[in-house]
Structure formats: C-alpha cells, structure tokens
Amino acid sequence: MPTTAGEVLTNYLAQQLAELRHQEPLVRREEPDSVHQMRMCARRLRSVLATGQKLFNDGAVSEVRAELRWLSEVLGSARDPEVIHDRLRELLAKEPDALVFGPAAQRIGNELDATSAAGRRAVLEALDGDRYASLISRLEALMQAPPLTEKAAGDARKTTRKLVSRDTKRVRRRVRELEARPDGGSGEASPAPGGPARDAGLHEVRKAAKRLRYAAEAAEPVAGRKAARMAKRAHKLQQILGLHQDSVVARKLLADLGARAFRSGENGFTYGRLHAQEEALADRSEAKFRKAWKKFPGS
C-alpha cells in the first residue's frame, strides 16, 4: 500500500497510462467502446494531474494536461456523434409513423454518421502523429521520475483526503454559482430548460463532479470506503448531468437540421417534435440532479 500522497497519485496515473496504451490498438481496430474507454483514461489522467497539481513542481504538468485535453477532444470527435445518434434514433423509434414527416431519420443519420466518420479519421491521424507519440513519452517520463514537491511526501491518507475535500468544495461552489444565476436563483428545477447560461452552468457542475469522482477513485486505496462512496455519489451527478448535456448538443443539431429543412422546402415538423422532447428530457435530468444533490454530503 502506498505510504505517501505522491505514491497514491503516481500509482493511479500509471494505471491509467497503462490502460490508455492498452486501448490504443483496440481503437485502431475500431473495437466497440474502445474510443470511449481511451477517452476516459485521458480524462482521468488530466483530471488527477489537476487535482494533485500542488504535489508537482510548478509548471511540471501543465503542458501535459493541455495535451491530454487535446487527445480527449480528438477522441470525442468520434465518440460524441455516436452517442447523439443513438439518443435520437431511440426517440425516433418511439414516434408514431403519422408524426414522422420527410426524411428526418435519414438526414439525422447522414449528418451524424459523416461527423463520426470524420472523427474516426481524425483519431487515427492523431494516433499516428508525432504529437501523440510525444505525449506518451512525456507521460512515461512523468511516471518514471515524477517531479514531486515536499507536499507529495505527506501522509497518504491525510493528504489525499484533503485533495478530495478540495474537489468536493469545488462541486459545491459550482452549484452555488449556478443557483446565483438569474435563471436559477430559486434552487428548484424550472418548468423548462433555463437557456444557454443555465445549460453552461450545469455543464460546469458536471465537470466538477467528474473531477471529484476521479480524485476519490485515486484516493480509494488509502482512504477506503469513504472515498469509494464519494466517487459513487460524484459519478451519479456526472451521469445525470451528462444526459442533460447530451440533450443540449442534440437540440443544437435538431435546430440546425430544422432550419436547413425549411430553407430546402422540406417538412421540418419532426425536428421540432424531437426538439420539444429533448427539452422535456433536459428538464427531467435537471429535476433528477436536484433530487440527487439534496442527498449530496453538505449540500
């Protein structure tokens, strides 16, 4: 078992780097879920480097974090369109035939399939490029000779609990900022999605919850059940708000496709139907978040 905070972090980072390397050939072979898994590794690496940045020498990990963000975004260009396509395909399947006008299913499929295909090409190009090779080399060097500060020599349990506590406070702060907005000051779920500003605020809460989840996961070997419970709670918030964010993305696409349909003389009714359903789904996701947040420690 690790005895210092630095060992806790570097052990976790080494595990994620190994998994990232494991997923790379699977991504190249287009194995199911491999892009998602590789992206999660990149996110975990970047997030835990952010959580533990004070355990590393000044500036030692900032460029690596920036490159991990780049890799995550490239992987997302292939993954995200698939998620939205599955979501809209499911909604369309529930629509009565009498309410599906024009080639909506075909237009949605063509748009997202083309976007996903372009994303997969970008992923393969990135994996074959010097930038990715350099990132892997830098991560390996970071694991072999981590540039740790004196704080990293602190007691494993005590220090990692402080890191998790700091990220917990970050989540609470993001929720307070959300509720301080003019469209969310009541602290209650509104009857309809609150617009771009509120969507952005909920997305910030989601990102903070994700960071907390990964910090708690890293701390679990020394912090035990308490960290595991926090990781589970943070994951629940992340999942709920992830569905909300998917709705935000889907609605933007539907509005764009509806506008194109109008300009080309096609019937855009179905896009409007789906957009309205996505609004309702977003509202339900926010209501679920409010319910989950009431059970969150210290909320």
Foldseek 3Di string as FASTA:
>chain_A
DDFFQLVLLLVLLVVLLVQLVVLVVVLVVVPPCSLVSNLVSLLLNLLSCVLCVQFAPPPLCPVLSVLSVVLSVLSCQQVLLVVLLVVVVVVVVPDDPVQDFDPVNVVSVVVSVVSNVVSSVSNVVVVPDPSVVVSSVSSVVCSVDPRGDPNRRDGNQVSLVVSLVVLVVVLVVLLVVLCPDPQRVVLAQDPWDRDDVNLVSLVSSLSSLSSSLSSLVSSCVPNPPVSVVSNVLSVVSNVLNVLLVSLVVSLVVLVVVLVVCVVVVGDSSVSVVVNVVSRVSNSVSVNVNSVSVVVRPPD
